[in-house]
């Protein structure tokens, strides 16, 4: 039964508690956006501040050992916090398969998807969510997502939705050598010659993958797909479809740059954990997704993280020359909990770790 669009409690129950999500709401062909999703002006993207002639760096990874390629990666991490990569070694067929699997998961009936809501999920590592944190968000974002924390292949086979599990695992598996290569390059500029058994687990000891679904929205200008935020990861590897809608804040600026979809590309961004570990040399950058009035959009980010039990702070090699540490040592799980206690609000999470 269709919910009342003016009764916030009934609407939230339909969208959040019953597993219909904003996809279910979009499929009712509503003509106006309910108040529950109308964001205050300061949370929406000001399109007058979008700089159309600029773009984040696009880097060809076909020869990733080339010093010039390495330099471009590190420069992008320092000056943009975001870059796109092509010829990265992850087969295009794997990328297409995971996009198709995302569509297939969200095409399931609500009573099938409902099994993965946090209150129903057999594991805390798999959860279906609408908005960002619907228990905390006063105004909801126009997005549904399935979030899967990777423990092992066996755990994933047991608990991840079978309709998308194999494709998601294949995507994670095929991207692992790319992630290692990017981290090797970034560490080299910090004076760390290689990944080893000490630093590799702190940089990439845990991974989470989200399947994001942004359905057609009746008044996209009044809401957000994802509010402005920076990721808490070391690195994020983002696969987006051909729709577009991701915007990145220019470093030290009020301006925004659109990240156009490039077929076969992946978008890489630096997360807060790497900004902290590099003592601010590499930058995690605020980004924002707009809602779309014409097409359903999907994206699939892999969040490459420290382990929850790791203490993160400026790496010894970065501050050994006497450089002042800008961040204190924090337990990574405490940092992540702080992020999830509040709605998206720009880059404010990193203040938690500042000295």
C-alpha atoms as a PDB file:
ATOM      1  CA  UNK A   1       0.000   0.000   0.000  1.00  0.00           C
ATOM      2  CA  UNK A   2       1.323   3.458  -0.944  1.00  0.00           C
ATOM      3  CA  UNK A   3       2.319   5.580   2.057  1.00  0.00           C
ATOM      4  CA  UNK A   4       1.032   9.048   2.879  1.00  0.00           C
ATOM      5  CA  UNK A   5       3.562  11.496   1.424  1.00  0.00           C
ATOM      6  CA  UNK A   6       2.749  14.095   4.074  1.00  0.00           C
ATOM      7  CA  UNK A   7       3.013  11.854   7.142  1.00  0.00           C
ATOM      8  CA  UNK A   8       6.769  11.728   7.815  1.00  0.00           C
ATOM      9  CA  UNK A   9       6.517   8.745  10.164  1.00  0.00           C
ATOM     10  CA  UNK A  10       4.485   6.647   7.734  1.00  0.00           C
ATOM     11  CA  UNK A  11       6.733   7.645   4.853  1.00  0.00           C
ATOM     12  CA  UNK A  12       9.900   6.774   6.770  1.00  0.00           C
ATOM     13  CA  UNK A  13       8.418   3.393   7.750  1.00  0.00           C
ATOM     14  CA  UNK A  14       7.689   2.620   4.077  1.00  0.00           C
ATOM     15  CA  UNK A  15      11.113   3.735   2.850  1.00  0.00           C
ATOM     16  CA  UNK A  16      13.400   2.669   5.702  1.00  0.00           C
ATOM     17  CA  UNK A  17      11.716  -0.014   7.823  1.00  0.00           C
ATOM     18  CA  UNK A  18       9.882  -1.976   5.136  1.00  0.00           C
ATOM     19  CA  UNK A  19      12.797  -2.096   2.697  1.00  0.00           C
ATOM     20  CA  UNK A  20      11.111  -0.229  -0.178  1.00  0.00           C
ATOM     21  CA  UNK A  21      13.835   2.432  -0.119  1.00  0.00           C
ATOM     22  CA  UNK A  22      13.721   5.567  -2.207  1.00  0.00           C
ATOM     23  CA  UNK A  23      13.586   3.228  -5.199  1.00  0.00           C
ATOM     24  CA  UNK A  24      10.110   2.102  -4.058  1.00  0.00           C
ATOM     25  CA  UNK A  25       9.091   5.727  -3.619  1.00  0.00           C
ATOM     26  CA  UNK A  26      10.405   6.670  -7.077  1.00  0.00           C
ATOM     27  CA  UNK A  27       8.461   3.790  -8.613  1.00  0.00           C
ATOM     28  CA  UNK A  28       5.202   5.261  -7.253  1.00  0.00           C
ATOM     29  CA  UNK A  29       5.813   8.001  -9.876  1.00  0.00           C
ATOM     30  CA  UNK A  30       5.332  10.739  -7.292  1.00  0.00           C
ATOM     31  CA  UNK A  31       5.278  14.229  -8.820  1.00  0.00           C
ATOM     32  CA  UNK A  32       6.662  16.239  -5.906  1.00  0.00           C
ATOM     33  CA  UNK A  33       9.389  15.474  -3.417  1.00  0.00           C
ATOM     34  CA  UNK A  34       8.111  14.810   0.134  1.00  0.00           C
ATOM     35  CA  UNK A  35       9.322  17.203   2.842  1.00  0.00           C
ATOM     36  CA  UNK A  36      11.291  14.351   4.458  1.00  0.00           C
ATOM     37  CA  UNK A  37      13.829  14.657   1.580  1.00  0.00           C
ATOM     38  CA  UNK A  38      13.930  18.448   1.067  1.00  0.00           C
ATOM     39  CA  UNK A  39      17.419  19.496   2.129  1.00  0.00           C
ATOM     40  CA  UNK A  40      18.193  22.941   3.570  1.00  0.00           C
ATOM     41  CA  UNK A  41      19.820  25.216   0.992  1.00  0.00           C
ATOM     42  CA  UNK A  42      23.269  24.981   2.561  1.00  0.00           C
ATOM     43  CA  UNK A  43      23.292  21.197   2.102  1.00  0.00           C
ATOM     44  CA  UNK A  44      22.461  21.316  -1.599  1.00  0.00           C
ATOM     45  CA  UNK A  45      25.067  21.799  -4.302  1.00  0.00           C
ATOM     46  CA  UNK A  46      25.252  25.434  -5.426  1.00  0.00           C
ATOM     47  CA  UNK A  47      25.502  24.952  -9.197  1.00  0.00           C
ATOM     48  CA  UNK A  48      26.761  28.519  -9.621  1.00  0.00           C
ATOM     49  CA  UNK A  49      29.985  27.346  -7.938  1.00  0.00           C
ATOM     50  CA  UNK A  50      30.604  24.520 -10.418  1.00  0.00           C
ATOM     51  CA  UNK A  51      33.634  25.244 -12.626  1.00  0.00           C
ATOM     52  CA  UNK A  52      32.683  23.618 -15.964  1.00  0.00           C
ATOM     53  CA  UNK A  53      36.037  24.017 -17.710  1.00  0.00           C
ATOM     54  CA  UNK A  54      38.025  22.136 -15.049  1.00  0.00           C
ATOM     55  CA  UNK A  55      38.394  18.404 -14.441  1.00  0.00           C
ATOM     56  CA  UNK A  56      40.247  16.152 -12.052  1.00  0.00           C
ATOM     57  CA  UNK A  57      43.404  14.484 -13.467  1.00  0.00           C
ATOM     58  CA  UNK A  58      42.950  11.464 -15.739  1.00  0.00           C
ATOM     59  CA  UNK A  59      45.922   9.101 -15.533  1.00  0.00           C
ATOM     60  CA  UNK A  60      46.775   6.256 -17.919  1.00  0.00           C
ATOM     61  CA  UNK A  61      48.038   3.353 -15.789  1.00  0.00           C
ATOM     62  CA  UNK A  62      49.140   1.114 -18.687  1.00  0.00           C
ATOM     63  CA  UNK A  63      52.756   1.659 -17.626  1.00  0.00           C
ATOM     64  CA  UNK A  64      52.431   2.243 -13.883  1.00  0.00           C
ATOM     65  CA  UNK A  65      56.207   1.782 -13.331  1.00  0.00           C
ATOM     66  CA  UNK A  66      56.932   4.895 -15.396  1.00  0.00           C
ATOM     67  CA  UNK A  67      58.290   7.586 -13.006  1.00  0.00           C
ATOM     68  CA  UNK A  68      56.160  10.183 -14.801  1.00  0.00           C
ATOM     69  CA  UNK A  69      52.984   8.154 -14.092  1.00  0.00           C
ATOM     70  CA  UNK A  70      54.038   7.752 -10.452  1.00  0.00           C
ATOM     71  CA  UNK A  71      54.616  11.491 -10.212  1.00  0.00           C
ATOM     72  CA  UNK A  72      51.169  12.259 -11.662  1.00  0.00           C
ATOM     73  CA  UNK A  73      49.497   9.923  -9.148  1.00  0.00           C
ATOM     74  CA  UNK A  74      51.225  11.570  -6.181  1.00  0.00           C
ATOM     75  CA  UNK A  75      50.654  15.101  -7.503  1.00  0.00           C
ATOM     76  CA  UNK A  76      46.951  14.325  -7.933  1.00  0.00           C
ATOM     77  CA  UNK A  77      46.773  12.943  -4.376  1.00  0.00           C
ATOM     78  CA  UNK A  78      48.392  16.122  -3.029  1.00  0.00           C
ATOM     79  CA  UNK A  79      46.611  18.741  -5.134  1.00  0.00           C
ATOM     80  CA  UNK A  80      43.212  17.232  -5.916  1.00  0.00           C
ATOM     81  CA  UNK A  81      42.645  14.244  -3.607  1.00  0.00           C
ATOM     82  CA  UNK A  82      40.806  12.718  -6.583  1.00  0.00           C
ATOM     83  CA  UNK A  83      41.861  11.315  -9.951  1.00  0.00           C
ATOM     84  CA  UNK A  84      40.521   9.003 -12.623  1.00  0.00           C
ATOM     85  CA  UNK A  85      42.508   6.086 -13.991  1.00  0.00           C
ATOM     86  CA  UNK A  86      42.261   4.262 -17.303  1.00  0.00           C
ATOM     87  CA  UNK A  87      44.068   1.100 -18.488  1.00  0.00           C
ATOM     88  CA  UNK A  88      44.215   0.100 -14.824  1.00  0.00           C
ATOM     89  CA  UNK A  89      44.206  -3.679 -15.340  1.00  0.00           C
ATOM     90  CA  UNK A  90      40.753  -4.458 -13.938  1.00  0.00           C
ATOM     91  CA  UNK A  91      38.928  -6.107 -16.884  1.00  0.00           C
ATOM     92  CA  UNK A  92      36.061  -4.018 -18.288  1.00  0.00           C
ATOM     93  CA  UNK A  93      33.916  -7.197 -18.288  1.00  0.00           C
ATOM     94  CA  UNK A  94      34.322  -7.410 -14.487  1.00  0.00           C
ATOM     95  CA  UNK A  95      33.238  -3.767 -14.141  1.00  0.00           C
ATOM     96  CA  UNK A  96      30.212  -4.307 -16.386  1.00  0.00           C
ATOM     97  CA  UNK A  97      29.243  -7.460 -14.474  1.00  0.00           C
ATOM     98  CA  UNK A  98      29.268  -5.709 -11.095  1.00  0.00           C
ATOM     99  CA  UNK A  99      27.191  -2.826 -12.458  1.00  0.00           C
ATOM    100  CA  UNK A 100      24.642  -5.274 -13.838  1.00  0.00           C
ATOM    101  CA  UNK A 101      24.615  -7.188 -10.525  1.00  0.00           C
ATOM    102  CA  UNK A 102      23.913  -3.920  -8.676  1.00  0.00           C
ATOM    103  CA  UNK A 103      20.881  -3.316 -10.878  1.00  0.00           C
ATOM    104  CA  UNK A 104      19.753  -6.901 -10.290  1.00  0.00           C
ATOM    105  CA  UNK A 105      19.988  -6.603  -6.513  1.00  0.00           C
ATOM    106  CA  UNK A 106      17.937  -3.409  -6.439  1.00  0.00           C
ATOM    107  CA  UNK A 107      15.397  -4.935  -8.863  1.00  0.00           C
ATOM    108  CA  UNK A 108      14.513  -7.528  -6.189  1.00  0.00           C
ATOM    109  CA  UNK A 109      11.109  -7.197  -4.519  1.00  0.00           C
ATOM    110  CA  UNK A 110      11.086  -5.219  -1.260  1.00  0.00           C
ATOM    111  CA  UNK A 111      10.392  -8.338   0.800  1.00  0.00           C
ATOM    112  CA  UNK A 112      13.553  -9.947  -0.648  1.00  0.00           C
ATOM    113  CA  UNK A 113      15.743  -6.895  -0.031  1.00  0.00           C
ATOM    114  CA  UNK A 114      14.230  -6.454   3.420  1.00  0.00           C
ATOM    115  CA  UNK A 115      16.202  -9.527   4.601  1.00  0.00           C
ATOM    116  CA  UNK A 116      19.316  -7.361   4.502  1.00  0.00           C
ATOM    117  CA  UNK A 117      18.033  -4.490   6.634  1.00  0.00           C
ATOM    118  CA  UNK A 118      20.164  -4.176   9.761  1.00  0.00           C
ATOM    119  CA  UNK A 119      17.391  -5.438  12.042  1.00  0.00           C
ATOM    120  CA  UNK A 120      16.947  -8.568   9.874  1.00  0.00           C
ATOM    121  CA  UNK A 121      20.427  -9.255   8.520  1.00  0.00           C
ATOM    122  CA  UNK A 122      22.027 -12.439   9.874  1.00  0.00           C
ATOM    123  CA  UNK A 123      25.366 -10.593  10.129  1.00  0.00           C
ATOM    124  CA  UNK A 124      26.358  -7.057  11.137  1.00  0.00           C
ATOM    125  CA  UNK A 125      28.690  -7.063   8.102  1.00  0.00           C
ATOM    126  CA  UNK A 126      25.860  -6.806   5.546  1.00  0.00           C
ATOM    127  CA  UNK A 127      23.204  -4.108   5.663  1.00  0.00           C
ATOM    128  CA  UNK A 128      20.739  -2.408   3.353  1.00  0.00           C
ATOM    129  CA  UNK A 129      20.296   1.296   4.106  1.00  0.00           C
ATOM    130  CA  UNK A 130      18.360   4.294   2.771  1.00  0.00           C
ATOM    131  CA  UNK A 131      19.902   7.781   3.079  1.00  0.00           C
ATOM    132  CA  UNK A 132      23.187   7.784   5.066  1.00  0.00           C
ATOM    133  CA  UNK A 133      22.170   6.977   8.645  1.00  0.00           C
ATOM    134  CA  UNK A 134      18.362   7.179   8.720  1.00  0.00           C
ATOM    135  CA  UNK A 135      18.343   6.939  12.541  1.00  0.00           C
ATOM    136  CA  UNK A 136      20.351  10.185  12.683  1.00  0.00           C
ATOM    137  CA  UNK A 137      19.518  12.058   9.467  1.00  0.00           C
ATOM    138  CA  UNK A 138      16.786  14.630  10.118  1.00  0.00           C
ATOM    139  CA  UNK A 139      16.344  15.015   6.352  1.00  0.00           C
ATOM    140  CA  UNK A 140      16.911  11.908   4.240  1.00  0.00           C
ATOM    141  CA  UNK A 141      19.257  11.670   1.256  1.00  0.00           C
ATOM    142  CA  UNK A 142      17.906  10.273  -2.039  1.00  0.00           C
ATOM    143  CA  UNK A 143      19.881   7.018  -2.091  1.00  0.00           C
ATOM    144  CA  UNK A 144      19.646   3.329  -1.210  1.00  0.00           C
ATOM    145  CA  UNK A 145      22.755   1.253  -0.649  1.00  0.00           C
ATOM    146  CA  UNK A 146      23.846  -2.243   0.247  1.00  0.00           C
ATOM    147  CA  UNK A 147      27.005  -2.216   2.369  1.00  0.00           C
ATOM    148  CA  UNK A 148      29.182  -5.336   2.695  1.00  0.00           C
ATOM    149  CA  UNK A 149      32.192  -5.480   5.022  1.00  0.00           C
ATOM    150  CA  UNK A 150      34.637  -8.092   3.728  1.00  0.00           C
ATOM    151  CA  UNK A 151      35.818 -10.662   6.264  1.00  0.00           C
ATOM    152  CA  UNK A 152      36.605 -13.662   4.042  1.00  0.00           C
ATOM    153  CA  UNK A 153      35.325 -15.338   0.891  1.00  0.00           C
ATOM    154  CA  UNK A 154      33.664 -18.004   3.052  1.00  0.00           C
ATOM    155  CA  UNK A 155      31.778 -15.408   5.110  1.00  0.00           C
ATOM    156  CA  UNK A 156      30.734 -13.567   1.954  1.00  0.00           C
ATOM    157  CA  UNK A 157      29.497 -16.787   0.332  1.00  0.00           C
ATOM    158  CA  UNK A 158      27.409 -17.463   3.431  1.00  0.00           C
ATOM    159  CA  UNK A 159      25.869 -14.015   3.964  1.00  0.00           C
ATOM    160  CA  UNK A 160      26.121 -11.720   0.932  1.00  0.00           C
ATOM    161  CA  UNK A 161      23.096 -11.647  -1.425  1.00  0.00           C
ATOM    162  CA  UNK A 162      23.556 -14.466  -3.944  1.00  0.00           C
ATOM    163  CA  UNK A 163      22.253 -12.318  -6.815  1.00  0.00           C
ATOM    164  CA  UNK A 164      25.330 -10.048  -6.700  1.00  0.00           C
ATOM    165  CA  UNK A 165      27.838 -11.844  -4.441  1.00  0.00           C
ATOM    166  CA  UNK A 166      30.023 -13.543  -7.076  1.00  0.00           C
ATOM    167  CA  UNK A 167      30.350 -10.422  -9.231  1.00  0.00           C
ATOM    168  CA  UNK A 168      31.185  -8.234  -6.222  1.00  0.00           C
ATOM    169  CA  UNK A 169      33.837 -10.673  -4.970  1.00  0.00           C
ATOM    170  CA  UNK A 170      35.359 -10.879  -8.447  1.00  0.00           C
ATOM    171  CA  UNK A 171      35.535  -7.062  -8.641  1.00  0.00           C
ATOM    172  CA  UNK A 172      37.220  -6.896  -5.224  1.00  0.00           C
ATOM    173  CA  UNK A 173      39.614  -9.671  -6.138  1.00  0.00           C
ATOM    174  CA  UNK A 174      40.568  -8.188  -9.513  1.00  0.00           C
ATOM    175  CA  UNK A 175      41.169  -4.726  -8.031  1.00  0.00           C
ATOM    176  CA  UNK A 176      43.540  -5.854  -5.271  1.00  0.00           C
ATOM    177  CA  UNK A 177      46.788  -5.621  -7.249  1.00  0.00           C
ATOM    178  CA  UNK A 178      45.753  -2.158  -8.505  1.00  0.00           C
ATOM    179  CA  UNK A 179      45.143  -0.987  -4.921  1.00  0.00           C
ATOM    180  CA  UNK A 180      48.568  -2.298  -3.839  1.00  0.00           C
ATOM    181  CA  UNK A 181      50.255  -0.589  -6.770  1.00  0.00           C
ATOM    182  CA  UNK A 182      48.621   2.774  -5.988  1.00  0.00           C
ATOM    183  CA  UNK A 183      49.614   2.517  -2.335  1.00  0.00           C
ATOM    184  CA  UNK A 184      53.216   1.571  -3.252  1.00  0.00           C
ATOM    185  CA  UNK A 185      53.473   4.681  -5.418  1.00  0.00           C
ATOM    186  CA  UNK A 186      51.942   6.956  -2.771  1.00  0.00           C
ATOM    187  CA  UNK A 187      54.148   5.540   0.002  1.00  0.00           C
ATOM    188  CA  UNK A 188      57.312   5.998  -2.053  1.00  0.00           C
ATOM    189  CA  UNK A 189      56.835   9.782  -2.072  1.00  0.00           C
ATOM    190  CA  UNK A 190      56.444   9.669   1.721  1.00  0.00           C
ATOM    191  CA  UNK A 191      59.868   7.995   2.015  1.00  0.00           C
ATOM    192  CA  UNK A 192      58.498   4.482   2.531  1.00  0.00           C
ATOM    193  CA  UNK A 193      60.171   2.277  -0.084  1.00  0.00           C
ATOM    194  CA  UNK A 194      57.737  -0.653  -0.101  1.00  0.00           C
ATOM    195  CA  UNK A 195      54.605  -2.225   1.314  1.00  0.00           C
ATOM    196  CA  UNK A 196      55.532  -4.824   3.938  1.00  0.00           C
ATOM    197  CA  UNK A 197      53.928  -6.930   6.662  1.00  0.00           C
ATOM    198  CA  UNK A 198      54.008  -3.927   9.045  1.00  0.00           C
ATOM    199  CA  UNK A 199      52.506  -1.141   6.946  1.00  0.00           C
ATOM    200  CA  UNK A 200      50.307  -3.055   4.483  1.00  0.00           C
ATOM    201  CA  UNK A 201      47.711  -4.176   7.089  1.00  0.00           C
ATOM    202  CA  UNK A 202      47.400  -0.612   8.432  1.00  0.00           C
ATOM    203  CA  UNK A 203      46.918   0.806   4.931  1.00  0.00           C
ATOM    204  CA  UNK A 204      44.646  -1.874   3.483  1.00  0.00           C
ATOM    205  CA  UNK A 205      43.831  -4.329   6.263  1.00  0.00           C
ATOM    206  CA  UNK A 206      40.072  -4.141   5.778  1.00  0.00           C
ATOM    207  CA  UNK A 207      37.713  -3.452   2.892  1.00  0.00           C
ATOM    208  CA  UNK A 208      34.076  -2.517   2.546  1.00  0.00           C
ATOM    209  CA  UNK A 209      32.102  -2.390  -0.685  1.00  0.00           C
ATOM    210  CA  UNK A 210      28.855  -0.492  -1.219  1.00  0.00           C
ATOM    211  CA  UNK A 211      26.342  -0.928  -4.013  1.00  0.00           C
ATOM    212  CA  UNK A 212      24.735   2.512  -4.385  1.00  0.00           C
ATOM    213  CA  UNK A 213      21.405   3.126  -6.103  1.00  0.00           C
ATOM    214  CA  UNK A 214      20.107   6.623  -6.886  1.00  0.00           C
ATOM    215  CA  UNK A 215      16.627   6.358  -8.451  1.00  0.00           C
ATOM    216  CA  UNK A 216      14.974   9.034 -10.581  1.00  0.00           C
ATOM    217  CA  UNK A 217      13.921  11.909  -8.322  1.00  0.00           C
ATOM    218  CA  UNK A 218      10.892  14.180  -8.910  1.00  0.00           C
ATOM    219  CA  UNK A 219      12.629  17.392  -7.715  1.00  0.00           C
ATOM    220  CA  UNK A 220      16.367  16.667  -7.824  1.00  0.00           C
ATOM    221  CA  UNK A 221      17.265  20.319  -7.180  1.00  0.00           C
ATOM    222  CA  UNK A 222      15.658  20.157  -3.708  1.00  0.00           C
ATOM    223  CA  UNK A 223      17.631  17.228  -2.322  1.00  0.00           C
ATOM    224  CA  UNK A 224      20.982  15.392  -2.520  1.00  0.00           C
ATOM    225  CA  UNK A 225      22.047  11.922  -3.577  1.00  0.00           C
ATOM    226  CA  UNK A 226      24.870  12.115  -1.035  1.00  0.00           C
ATOM    227  CA  UNK A 227      25.604  15.198   1.042  1.00  0.00           C
ATOM    228  CA  UNK A 228      29.069  16.741   1.079  1.00  0.00           C
ATOM    229  CA  UNK A 229      31.580  14.572   2.984  1.00  0.00           C
ATOM    230  CA  UNK A 230      35.042  13.061   2.791  1.00  0.00           C
ATOM    231  CA  UNK A 231      35.579   9.309   3.086  1.00  0.00           C
ATOM    232  CA  UNK A 232      37.106   7.766   6.206  1.00  0.00           C
ATOM    233  CA  UNK A 233      39.103   5.267   4.124  1.00  0.00           C
ATOM    234  CA  UNK A 234      42.760   5.074   3.157  1.00  0.00           C
ATOM    235  CA  UNK A 235      41.710   5.012  -0.498  1.00  0.00           C
ATOM    236  CA  UNK A 236      38.364   4.667  -2.244  1.00  0.00           C
ATOM    237  CA  UNK A 237      38.116   2.970  -5.635  1.00  0.00           C
ATOM    238  CA  UNK A 238      34.872   4.098  -7.280  1.00  0.00           C
ATOM    239  CA  UNK A 239      33.135   2.569 -10.259  1.00  0.00           C
ATOM    240  CA  UNK A 240      30.394   4.831 -11.615  1.00  0.00           C
ATOM    241  CA  UNK A 241      27.974   4.275 -14.472  1.00  0.00           C
ATOM    242  CA  UNK A 242      27.483   6.570 -17.459  1.00  0.00           C
ATOM    243  CA  UNK A 243      24.974   8.890 -15.736  1.00  0.00           C
ATOM    244  CA  UNK A 244      27.304  11.314 -13.914  1.00  0.00           C
ATOM    245  CA  UNK A 245      26.473  13.383 -10.847  1.00  0.00           C
ATOM    246  CA  UNK A 246      29.615  13.195  -8.688  1.00  0.00           C
ATOM    247  CA  UNK A 247      31.097  16.587  -7.764  1.00  0.00           C
ATOM    248  CA  UNK A 248      34.407  17.245  -6.031  1.00  0.00           C
ATOM    249  CA  UNK A 249      35.334  20.385  -4.100  1.00  0.00           C
ATOM    250  CA  UNK A 250      38.477  22.064  -5.419  1.00  0.00           C
ATOM    251  CA  UNK A 251      41.233  22.169  -2.817  1.00  0.00           C
ATOM    252  CA  UNK A 252      41.151  25.357  -0.697  1.00  0.00           C
ATOM    253  CA  UNK A 253      38.212  26.683  -2.678  1.00  0.00           C
ATOM    254  CA  UNK A 254      34.439  27.136  -2.651  1.00  0.00           C
ATOM    255  CA  UNK A 255      34.251  25.789  -6.204  1.00  0.00           C
ATOM    256  CA  UNK A 256      33.160  22.346  -7.386  1.00  0.00           C
ATOM    257  CA  UNK A 257      34.241  20.179 -10.320  1.00  0.00           C
ATOM    258  CA  UNK A 258      32.119  17.481 -11.967  1.00  0.00           C
ATOM    259  CA  UNK A 259      33.679  14.028 -12.408  1.00  0.00           C
ATOM    260  CA  UNK A 260      32.432  12.937 -15.837  1.00  0.00           C
ATOM    261  CA  UNK A 261      32.015   9.206 -16.390  1.00  0.00           C
ATOM    262  CA  UNK A 262      34.729   7.782 -18.656  1.00  0.00           C
ATOM    263  CA  UNK A 263      33.882   4.303 -19.917  1.00  0.00           C
ATOM    264  CA  UNK A 264      36.141   1.682 -18.367  1.00  0.00           C
ATOM    265  CA  UNK A 265      37.680   4.140 -15.890  1.00  0.00           C
ATOM    266  CA  UNK A 266      37.833   4.025 -12.106  1.00  0.00           C
ATOM    267  CA  UNK A 267      37.849   7.090  -9.867  1.00  0.00           C
ATOM    268  CA  UNK A 268      40.322   7.068  -6.979  1.00  0.00           C
ATOM    269  CA  UNK A 269      40.093   9.320  -3.981  1.00  0.00           C
ATOM    270  CA  UNK A 270      42.192   9.784  -0.873  1.00  0.00           C
ATOM    271  CA  UNK A 271      40.369   9.164   2.411  1.00  0.00           C
ATOM    272  CA  UNK A 272      40.797  10.741   5.833  1.00  0.00           C
ATOM    273  CA  UNK A 273      42.923   7.824   7.082  1.00  0.00           C
ATOM    274  CA  UNK A 274      45.597   8.526   4.452  1.00  0.00           C
ATOM    275  CA  UNK A 275      45.422  12.278   5.037  1.00  0.00           C
ATOM    276  CA  UNK A 276      46.127  11.545   8.710  1.00  0.00           C
ATOM    277  CA  UNK A 277      48.876   8.986   8.019  1.00  0.00           C
ATOM    278  CA  UNK A 278      50.590  11.288   5.482  1.00  0.00           C
ATOM    279  CA  UNK A 279      50.350  14.162   8.003  1.00  0.00           C
ATOM    280  CA  UNK A 280      48.286  16.185   5.562  1.00  0.00           C
ATOM    281  CA  UNK A 281      50.506  15.716   2.504  1.00  0.00           C
ATOM    282  CA  UNK A 282      47.773  13.752   0.729  1.00  0.00           C
ATOM    283  CA  UNK A 283      44.305  15.296   0.900  1.00  0.00           C
ATOM    284  CA  UNK A 284      40.905  13.763   1.462  1.00  0.00           C
ATOM    285  CA  UNK A 285      38.438  15.981  -0.336  1.00  0.00           C
ATOM    286  CA  UNK A 286      34.791  16.804   0.186  1.00  0.00           C
ATOM    287  CA  UNK A 287      32.546  15.369  -2.519  1.00  0.00           C
ATOM    288  CA  UNK A 288      28.849  15.369  -3.210  1.00  0.00           C
ATOM    289  CA  UNK A 289      26.376  13.467  -5.414  1.00  0.00           C
ATOM    290  CA  UNK A 290      23.391  15.264  -6.923  1.00  0.00           C
ATOM    291  CA  UNK A 291      20.032  13.594  -7.467  1.00  0.00           C
ATOM    292  CA  UNK A 292      18.862  13.018 -11.036  1.00  0.00           C
ATOM    293  CA  UNK A 293      15.459  13.718 -12.556  1.00  0.00           C
ATOM    294  CA  UNK A 294      15.808  11.548 -15.669  1.00  0.00           C
ATOM    295  CA  UNK A 295      17.851   8.392 -15.026  1.00  0.00           C
ATOM    296  CA  UNK A 296      18.529   5.865 -12.308  1.00  0.00           C
ATOM    297  CA  UNK A 297      22.210   5.990 -11.343  1.00  0.00           C
ATOM    298  CA  UNK A 298      24.396   3.379  -9.691  1.00  0.00           C
ATOM    299  CA  UNK A 299      27.937   3.443  -8.337  1.00  0.00           C
ATOM    300  CA  UNK A 300      30.117   0.875  -6.598  1.00  0.00           C
ATOM    301  CA  UNK A 301      32.843   2.129  -4.248  1.00  0.00           C
ATOM    302  CA  UNK A 302      35.433  -0.133  -2.604  1.00  0.00           C
ATOM    303  CA  UNK A 303      36.614   1.476   0.633  1.00  0.00           C
ATOM    304  CA  UNK A 304      40.166   0.382   1.428  1.00  0.00           C
ATOM    305  CA  UNK A 305      40.699   0.908   5.152  1.00  0.00           C
ATOM    306  CA  UNK A 306      42.937   0.250   8.130  1.00  0.00           C
ATOM    307  CA  UNK A 307      41.729  -2.564  10.371  1.00  0.00           C
ATOM    308  CA  UNK A 308      39.234  -1.465  13.065  1.00  0.00           C
ATOM    309  CA  UNK A 309      41.799  -2.331  15.773  1.00  0.00           C
ATOM    310  CA  UNK A 310      44.608  -0.221  14.235  1.00  0.00           C
ATOM    311  CA  UNK A 311      45.903   2.974  15.789  1.00  0.00           C
ATOM    312  CA  UNK A 312      46.341   5.558  13.043  1.00  0.00           C
ATOM    313  CA  UNK A 313      48.359   8.751  13.166  1.00  0.00           C
ATOM    314  CA  UNK A 314      51.137  10.380  11.122  1.00  0.00           C
ATOM    315  CA  UNK A 315      53.498   7.618   9.948  1.00  0.00           C
ATOM    316  CA  UNK A 316      56.912   7.615  11.652  1.00  0.00           C
ATOM    317  CA  UNK A 317      58.723   8.023   8.328  1.00  0.00           C
ATOM    318  CA  UNK A 318      56.726  11.190   7.618  1.00  0.00           C
ATOM    319  CA  UNK A 319      57.479  12.979  10.893  1.00  0.00           C
ATOM    320  CA  UNK A 320      60.973  11.615  11.641  1.00  0.00           C
ATOM    321  CA  UNK A 321      62.618  14.722  10.152  1.00  0.00           C
ATOM    322  CA  UNK A 322      61.113  16.763  12.976  1.00  0.00           C
ATOM    323  CA  UNK A 323      57.990  17.774  11.094  1.00  0.00           C
ATOM    324  CA  UNK A 324      55.210  18.548  13.564  1.00  0.00           C
ATOM    325  CA  UNK A 325      52.421  15.962  13.684  1.00  0.00           C
ATOM    326  CA  UNK A 326      49.079  17.566  12.777  1.00  0.00           C
ATOM    327  CA  UNK A 327      47.077  14.581  14.032  1.00  0.00           C
ATOM    328  CA  UNK A 328      47.077  12.477  17.163  1.00  0.00           C
ATOM    329  CA  UNK A 329      46.987   8.678  17.310  1.00  0.00           C
ATOM    330  CA  UNK A 330      43.376   7.483  17.179  1.00  0.00           C
ATOM    331  CA  UNK A 331      41.840   4.037  17.192  1.00  0.00           C
ATOM    332  CA  UNK A 332      40.472   3.569  13.699  1.00  0.00           C
ATOM    333  CA  UNK A 333      37.215   2.021  14.948  1.00  0.00           C
ATOM    334  CA  UNK A 334      36.662   5.111  17.150  1.00  0.00           C
ATOM    335  CA  UNK A 335      37.218   7.366  14.139  1.00  0.00           C
ATOM    336  CA  UNK A 336      34.692   5.405  12.050  1.00  0.00           C
ATOM    337  CA  UNK A 337      32.124   5.391  14.890  1.00  0.00           C
ATOM    338  CA  UNK A 338      32.448   9.179  15.112  1.00  0.00           C
ATOM    339  CA  UNK A 339      31.745   9.431  11.356  1.00  0.00           C
ATOM    340  CA  UNK A 340      28.606   7.299  11.654  1.00  0.00           C
ATOM    341  CA  UNK A 341      27.184   9.185  14.634  1.00  0.00           C
ATOM    342  CA  UNK A 342      26.246  12.243  12.584  1.00  0.00           C
ATOM    343  CA  UNK A 343      24.835  13.248   9.235  1.00  0.00           C
ATOM    344  CA  UNK A 344      27.142  14.232   6.386  1.00  0.00           C
ATOM    345  CA  UNK A 345      28.696  17.603   7.103  1.00  0.00           C
ATOM    346  CA  UNK A 346      31.621  18.367   4.839  1.00  0.00           C
ATOM    347  CA  UNK A 347      35.065  17.462   6.152  1.00  0.00           C
ATOM    348  CA  UNK A 348      34.306  17.901   9.850  1.00  0.00           C
ATOM    349  CA  UNK A 349      35.092  14.267  10.792  1.00  0.00           C
ATOM    350  CA  UNK A 350      38.823  14.873  10.543  1.00  0.00           C
ATOM    351  CA  UNK A 351      38.665  17.362  13.429  1.00  0.00           C
ATOM    352  CA  UNK A 352      38.291  14.274  15.648  1.00  0.00           C
ATOM    353  CA  UNK A 353      41.948  13.419  14.963  1.00  0.00           C
ATOM    354  CA  UNK A 354      43.491  16.895  15.008  1.00  0.00           C
ATOM    355  CA  UNK A 355      46.096  17.682  17.642  1.00  0.00           C
END
